[in-house]
Amino acid sequence: MTRLFDVVQVVVDIPEEGLRSGMTGTVVDLYENPPAYEVEFSDTEGHTLALLALRPEQIRRVSQG
């Protein structure tokens, strides 16, 4: 089960957001119905690259937050 502040990896390309499969982000919010996760993707300096809601099948947990 993915939780708040877990690090996740996107498993599909999302070109309209500039995301490629394998990029990692942090879960910053949880949605119940339908289930989804708000994930923030940042660069090495902490600047946000993308912030979007993803369905469970679009991500996999890498580590617990």
PDB file of N, CA and C in Angstrom:
ATOM      1  N   MET A   1       0.840  -1.183   0.000  1.00  0.00           N
ATOM      2  CA  MET A   1       0.000   0.000   0.000  1.00  0.00           C
ATOM      3  C   MET A   1       0.889   1.251   0.000  1.00  0.00           C
ATOM      4  N   THR A   2       0.623   2.155  -0.900  1.00  0.00           N
ATOM      5  CA  THR A   2       1.377   3.395  -1.007  1.00  0.00           C
ATOM      6  C   THR A   2       0.789   4.413  -0.039  1.00  0.00           C
ATOM      7  N   ARG A   3       1.677   5.116   0.662  1.00  0.00           N
ATOM      8  CA  ARG A   3       1.250   6.097   1.671  1.00  0.00           C
ATOM      9  C   ARG A   3       1.856   7.473   1.401  1.00  0.00           C
ATOM     10  N   LEU A   4       1.397   8.422   2.176  1.00  0.00           N
ATOM     11  CA  LEU A   4       1.902   9.787   2.098  1.00  0.00           C
ATOM     12  C   LEU A   4       3.412   9.804   2.312  1.00  0.00           C
ATOM     13  N   PHE A   5       4.124  10.528   1.492  1.00  0.00           N
ATOM     14  CA  PHE A   5       5.570  10.737   1.515  1.00  0.00           C
ATOM     15  C   PHE A   5       6.391   9.540   1.044  1.00  0.00           C
ATOM     16  N   ASP A   6       5.741   8.488   0.547  1.00  0.00           N
ATOM     17  CA  ASP A   6       6.483   7.397  -0.074  1.00  0.00           C
ATOM     18  C   ASP A   6       7.120   7.899  -1.361  1.00  0.00           C
ATOM     19  N   VAL A   7       8.265   7.339  -1.688  1.00  0.00           N
ATOM     20  CA  VAL A   7       8.908   7.612  -2.971  1.00  0.00           C
ATOM     21  C   VAL A   7       8.398   6.569  -3.955  1.00  0.00           C
ATOM     22  N   VAL A   8       7.934   7.053  -5.110  1.00  0.00           N
ATOM     23  CA  VAL A   8       7.372   6.165  -6.124  1.00  0.00           C
ATOM     24  C   VAL A   8       8.066   6.401  -7.460  1.00  0.00           C
ATOM     25  N   GLN A   9       7.933   5.418  -8.321  1.00  0.00           N
ATOM     26  CA  GLN A   9       8.485   5.502  -9.666  1.00  0.00           C
ATOM     27  C   GLN A   9       7.326   5.405 -10.650  1.00  0.00           C
ATOM     28  N   VAL A  10       7.295   6.302 -11.611  1.00  0.00           N
ATOM     29  CA  VAL A  10       6.258   6.239 -12.629  1.00  0.00           C
ATOM     30  C   VAL A  10       6.641   5.107 -13.597  1.00  0.00           C
ATOM     31  N   VAL A  11       5.663   4.287 -13.976  1.00  0.00           N
ATOM     32  CA  VAL A  11       5.960   3.112 -14.804  1.00  0.00           C
ATOM     33  C   VAL A  11       5.496   3.275 -16.252  1.00  0.00           C
ATOM     34  N   VAL A  12       4.993   4.450 -16.584  1.00  0.00           N
ATOM     35  CA  VAL A  12       4.567   4.759 -17.952  1.00  0.00           C
ATOM     36  C   VAL A  12       5.095   6.141 -18.319  1.00  0.00           C
ATOM     37  N   ASP A  13       5.289   6.377 -19.598  1.00  0.00           N
ATOM     38  CA  ASP A  13       5.636   7.715 -20.062  1.00  0.00           C
ATOM     39  C   ASP A  13       4.402   8.604 -20.002  1.00  0.00           C
ATOM     40  N   ILE A  14       4.595   9.845 -19.551  1.00  0.00           N
ATOM     41  CA  ILE A  14       3.522  10.842 -19.566  1.00  0.00           C
ATOM     42  C   ILE A  14       4.122  12.085 -20.241  1.00  0.00           C
ATOM     43  N   PRO A  15       4.210  12.042 -21.568  1.00  0.00           N
ATOM     44  CA  PRO A  15       4.926  13.088 -22.305  1.00  0.00           C
ATOM     45  C   PRO A  15       4.378  14.490 -22.120  1.00  0.00           C
ATOM     46  N   GLU A  16       3.067  14.623 -21.932  1.00  0.00           N
ATOM     47  CA  GLU A  16       2.486  15.964 -21.767  1.00  0.00           C
ATOM     48  C   GLU A  16       2.948  16.634 -20.479  1.00  0.00           C
ATOM     49  N   GLU A  17       3.486  15.842 -19.539  1.00  0.00           N
ATOM     50  CA  GLU A  17       4.021  16.384 -18.283  1.00  0.00           C
ATOM     51  C   GLU A  17       5.555  16.328 -18.250  1.00  0.00           C
ATOM     52  N   GLY A  18       6.150  15.822 -19.328  1.00  0.00           N
ATOM     53  CA  GLY A  18       7.604  15.713 -19.385  1.00  0.00           C
ATOM     54  C   GLY A  18       8.151  14.566 -18.546  1.00  0.00           C
ATOM     55  N   LEU A  19       7.325  13.567 -18.257  1.00  0.00           N
ATOM     56  CA  LEU A  19       7.738  12.435 -17.420  1.00  0.00           C
ATOM     57  C   LEU A  19       7.992  11.202 -18.276  1.00  0.00           C
ATOM     58  N   ARG A  20       9.069  10.496 -17.930  1.00  0.00           N
ATOM     59  CA  ARG A  20       9.414   9.248 -18.592  1.00  0.00           C
ATOM     60  C   ARG A  20       9.348   8.120 -17.582  1.00  0.00           C
ATOM     61  N   SER A  21       9.021   6.957 -18.042  1.00  0.00           N
ATOM     62  CA  SER A  21       8.999   5.776 -17.183  1.00  0.00           C
ATOM     63  C   SER A  21      10.328   5.658 -16.453  1.00  0.00           C
ATOM     64  N   GLY A  22      10.268   5.414 -15.148  1.00  0.00           N
ATOM     65  CA  GLY A  22      11.477   5.289 -14.337  1.00  0.00           C
ATOM     66  C   GLY A  22      11.782   6.511 -13.490  1.00  0.00           C
ATOM     67  N   MET A  23      11.152   7.645 -13.788  1.00  0.00           N
ATOM     68  CA  MET A  23      11.387   8.842 -12.983  1.00  0.00           C
ATOM     69  C   MET A  23      10.743   8.659 -11.607  1.00  0.00           C
ATOM     70  N   THR A  24      11.382   9.209 -10.576  1.00  0.00           N
ATOM     71  CA  THR A  24      10.869   9.063  -9.218  1.00  0.00           C
ATOM     72  C   THR A  24      10.290  10.370  -8.699  1.00  0.00           C
ATOM     73  N   GLY A  25       9.301  10.226  -7.824  1.00  0.00           N
ATOM     74  CA  GLY A  25       8.658  11.369  -7.198  1.00  0.00           C
ATOM     75  C   GLY A  25       8.183  10.993  -5.810  1.00  0.00           C
ATOM     76  N   THR A  26       7.591  11.957  -5.128  1.00  0.00           N
ATOM     77  CA  THR A  26       7.120  11.768  -3.760  1.00  0.00           C
ATOM     78  C   THR A  26       5.610  11.960  -3.691  1.00  0.00           C
ATOM     79  N   VAL A  27       4.932  11.047  -3.010  1.00  0.00           N
ATOM     80  CA  VAL A  27       3.486  11.157  -2.819  1.00  0.00           C
ATOM     81  C   VAL A  27       3.221  12.289  -1.819  1.00  0.00           C
ATOM     82  N   VAL A  28       2.437  13.288  -2.239  1.00  0.00           N
ATOM     83  CA  VAL A  28       2.158  14.436  -1.375  1.00  0.00           C
ATOM     84  C   VAL A  28       0.684  14.547  -0.989  1.00  0.00           C
ATOM     85  N   ASP A  29      -0.172  13.712  -1.586  1.00  0.00           N
ATOM     86  CA  ASP A  29      -1.576  13.690  -1.205  1.00  0.00           C
ATOM     87  C   ASP A  29      -2.187  12.376  -1.677  1.00  0.00           C
ATOM     88  N   LEU A  30      -3.251  11.970  -1.003  1.00  0.00           N
ATOM     89  CA  LEU A  30      -3.943  10.717  -1.320  1.00  0.00           C
ATOM     90  C   LEU A  30      -5.394  11.020  -1.635  1.00  0.00           C
ATOM     91  N   TYR A  31      -5.937  10.335  -2.641  1.00  0.00           N
ATOM     92  CA  TYR A  31      -7.345  10.475  -3.002  1.00  0.00           C
ATOM     93  C   TYR A  31      -7.996   9.112  -2.884  1.00  0.00           C
ATOM     94  N   GLU A  32      -9.225   9.105  -2.354  1.00  0.00           N
ATOM     95  CA  GLU A  32      -9.903   7.841  -2.107  1.00  0.00           C
ATOM     96  C   GLU A  32     -10.792   7.366  -3.249  1.00  0.00           C
ATOM     97  N   ASN A  33     -11.559   8.250  -3.843  1.00  0.00           N
ATOM     98  CA  ASN A  33     -12.546   7.796  -4.808  1.00  0.00           C
ATOM     99  C   ASN A  33     -12.567   8.663  -6.050  1.00  0.00           C
ATOM    100  N   PRO A  34     -12.020   8.233  -7.159  1.00  0.00           N
ATOM    101  CA  PRO A  34     -11.304   6.968  -7.334  1.00  0.00           C
ATOM    102  C   PRO A  34      -9.923   7.051  -6.708  1.00  0.00           C
ATOM    103  N   PRO A  35      -9.329   5.901  -6.396  1.00  0.00           N
ATOM    104  CA  PRO A  35      -8.010   5.925  -5.764  1.00  0.00           C
ATOM    105  C   PRO A  35      -6.956   6.541  -6.690  1.00  0.00           C
ATOM    106  N   ALA A  36      -6.202   7.474  -6.138  1.00  0.00           N
ATOM    107  CA  ALA A  36      -5.142   8.139  -6.891  1.00  0.00           C
ATOM    108  C   ALA A  36      -4.159   8.746  -5.897  1.00  0.00           C
ATOM    109  N   TYR A  37      -3.005   9.110  -6.423  1.00  0.00           N
ATOM    110  CA  TYR A  37      -1.943   9.691  -5.603  1.00  0.00           C
ATOM    111  C   TYR A  37      -1.442  10.962  -6.266  1.00  0.00           C
ATOM    112  N   GLU A  38      -1.392  12.048  -5.515  1.00  0.00           N
ATOM    113  CA  GLU A  38      -0.782  13.284  -6.001  1.00  0.00           C
ATOM    114  C   GLU A  38       0.716  13.115  -5.806  1.00  0.00           C
ATOM    115  N   VAL A  39       1.466  13.192  -6.897  1.00  0.00           N
ATOM    116  CA  VAL A  39       2.903  12.934  -6.844  1.00  0.00           C
ATOM    117  C   VAL A  39       3.656  14.157  -7.345  1.00  0.00           C
ATOM    118  N   GLU A  40       4.671  14.550  -6.586  1.00  0.00           N
ATOM    119  CA  GLU A  40       5.530  15.666  -6.983  1.00  0.00           C
ATOM    120  C   GLU A  40       6.853  15.108  -7.488  1.00  0.00           C
ATOM    121  N   PHE A  41       7.239  15.543  -8.681  1.00  0.00           N
ATOM    122  CA  PHE A  41       8.513  15.184  -9.278  1.00  0.00           C
ATOM    123  C   PHE A  41       9.388  16.431  -9.248  1.00  0.00           C
ATOM    124  N   SER A  42      10.619  16.287  -8.738  1.00  0.00           N
ATOM    125  CA  SER A  42      11.512  17.436  -8.562  1.00  0.00           C
ATOM    126  C   SER A  42      12.867  17.160  -9.199  1.00  0.00           C
ATOM    127  N   ASP A  43      13.588  18.254  -9.500  1.00  0.00           N
ATOM    128  CA  ASP A  43      14.954  18.093  -9.994  1.00  0.00           C
ATOM    129  C   ASP A  43      15.908  17.977  -8.808  1.00  0.00           C
ATOM    130  N   THR A  44      17.197  17.868  -9.076  1.00  0.00           N
ATOM    131  CA  THR A  44      18.182  17.664  -8.015  1.00  0.00           C
ATOM    132  C   THR A  44      18.320  18.862  -7.082  1.00  0.00           C
ATOM    133  N   GLU A  45      17.816  20.028  -7.502  1.00  0.00           N
ATOM    134  CA  GLU A  45      17.871  21.222  -6.660  1.00  0.00           C
ATOM    135  C   GLU A  45      16.568  21.459  -5.905  1.00  0.00           C
ATOM    136  N   GLY A  46      15.601  20.557  -6.067  1.00  0.00           N
ATOM    137  CA  GLY A  46      14.334  20.679  -5.349  1.00  0.00           C
ATOM    138  C   GLY A  46      13.254  21.459  -6.064  1.00  0.00           C
ATOM    139  N   HIS A  47      13.509  21.878  -7.304  1.00  0.00           N
ATOM    140  CA  HIS A  47      12.486  22.595  -8.074  1.00  0.00           C
ATOM    141  C   HIS A  47      11.482  21.599  -8.643  1.00  0.00           C
ATOM    142  N   THR A  48      10.217  21.910  -8.522  1.00  0.00           N
ATOM    143  CA  THR A  48       9.170  21.028  -9.013  1.00  0.00           C
ATOM    144  C   THR A  48       9.177  20.965 -10.538  1.00  0.00           C
ATOM    145  N   LEU A  49       9.239  19.735 -11.051  1.00  0.00           N
ATOM    146  CA  LEU A  49       9.154  19.503 -12.490  1.00  0.00           C
ATOM    147  C   LEU A  49       7.714  19.216 -12.905  1.00  0.00           C
ATOM    148  N   ALA A  50       7.000  18.487 -12.053  1.00  0.00           N
ATOM    149  CA  ALA A  50       5.600  18.142 -12.332  1.00  0.00           C
ATOM    150  C   ALA A  50       4.909  17.804 -11.019  1.00  0.00           C
ATOM    151  N   LEU A  51       3.625  18.097 -10.969  1.00  0.00           N
ATOM    152  CA  LEU A  51       2.791  17.768  -9.817  1.00  0.00           C
ATOM    153  C   LEU A  51       1.453  17.321 -10.385  1.00  0.00           C
ATOM    154  N   LEU A  52       1.148  16.037 -10.231  1.00  0.00           N
ATOM    155  CA  LEU A  52      -0.072  15.530 -10.832  1.00  0.00           C
ATOM    156  C   LEU A  52      -0.592  14.306 -10.107  1.00  0.00           C
ATOM    157  N   ALA A  53      -1.878  14.035 -10.305  1.00  0.00           N
ATOM    158  CA  ALA A  53      -2.521  12.861  -9.724  1.00  0.00           C
ATOM    159  C   ALA A  53      -2.302  11.677 -10.656  1.00  0.00           C
ATOM    160  N   LEU A  54      -1.869  10.560 -10.072  1.00  0.00           N
ATOM    161  CA  LEU A  54      -1.620   9.351 -10.838  1.00  0.00           C
ATOM    162  C   LEU A  54      -2.420   8.196 -10.260  1.00  0.00           C
ATOM    163  N   ARG A  55      -2.876   7.317 -11.139  1.00  0.00           N
ATOM    164  CA  ARG A  55      -3.598   6.121 -10.716  1.00  0.00           C
ATOM    165  C   ARG A  55      -2.617   5.080 -10.187  1.00  0.00           C
ATOM    166  N   PRO A  56      -3.074   4.185  -9.330  1.00  0.00           N
ATOM    167  CA  PRO A  56      -2.183   3.168  -8.747  1.00  0.00           C
ATOM    168  C   PRO A  56      -1.396   2.368  -9.786  1.00  0.00           C
ATOM    169  N   GLU A  57      -1.994   2.082 -10.928  1.00  0.00           N
ATOM    170  CA  GLU A  57      -1.300   1.286 -11.946  1.00  0.00           C
ATOM    171  C   GLU A  57      -0.222   2.067 -12.703  1.00  0.00           C
ATOM    172  N   GLN A  58      -0.156   3.375 -12.489  1.00  0.00           N
ATOM    173  CA  GLN A  58       0.855   4.198 -13.156  1.00  0.00           C
ATOM    174  C   GLN A  58       2.141   4.339 -12.342  1.00  0.00           C
ATOM    175  N   ILE A  59       2.134   3.856 -11.099  1.00  0.00           N
ATOM    176  CA  ILE A  59       3.301   4.010 -10.227  1.00  0.00           C
ATOM    177  C   ILE A  59       3.613   2.708  -9.506  1.00  0.00           C
ATOM    178  N   ARG A  60       4.832   2.654  -8.968  1.00  0.00           N
ATOM    179  CA  ARG A  60       5.185   1.587  -8.038  1.00  0.00           C
ATOM    180  C   ARG A  60       6.014   2.207  -6.923  1.00  0.00           C
ATOM    181  N   ARG A  61       5.840   1.710  -5.729  1.00  0.00           N
ATOM    182  CA  ARG A  61       6.556   2.261  -4.568  1.00  0.00           C
ATOM    183  C   ARG A  61       8.008   1.817  -4.613  1.00  0.00           C
ATOM    184  N   VAL A  62       8.900   2.780  -4.367  1.00  0.00           N
ATOM    185  CA  VAL A  62      10.334   2.512  -4.326  1.00  0.00           C
ATOM    186  C   VAL A  62      10.793   2.418  -2.874  1.00  0.00           C
ATOM    187  N   SER A  63      10.330   3.350  -2.050  1.00  0.00           N
ATOM    188  CA  SER A  63      10.680   3.328  -0.621  1.00  0.00           C
ATOM    189  C   SER A  63       9.603   4.037   0.188  1.00  0.00           C
ATOM    190  N   GLN A  64       9.559   3.702   1.466  1.00  0.00           N
ATOM    191  CA  GLN A  64       8.593   4.327   2.351  1.00  0.00           C
ATOM    192  C   GLN A  64       9.098   5.680   2.813  1.00  0.00           C
ATOM    193  N   GLY A  65       8.151   6.621   2.958  1.00  0.00           N
ATOM    194  CA  GLY A  65       8.492   7.970   3.386  1.00  0.00           C
ATOM    195  C   GLY A  65       8.596   8.128   4.866  1.00  0.00           C
TER     196      GLY A  65
END
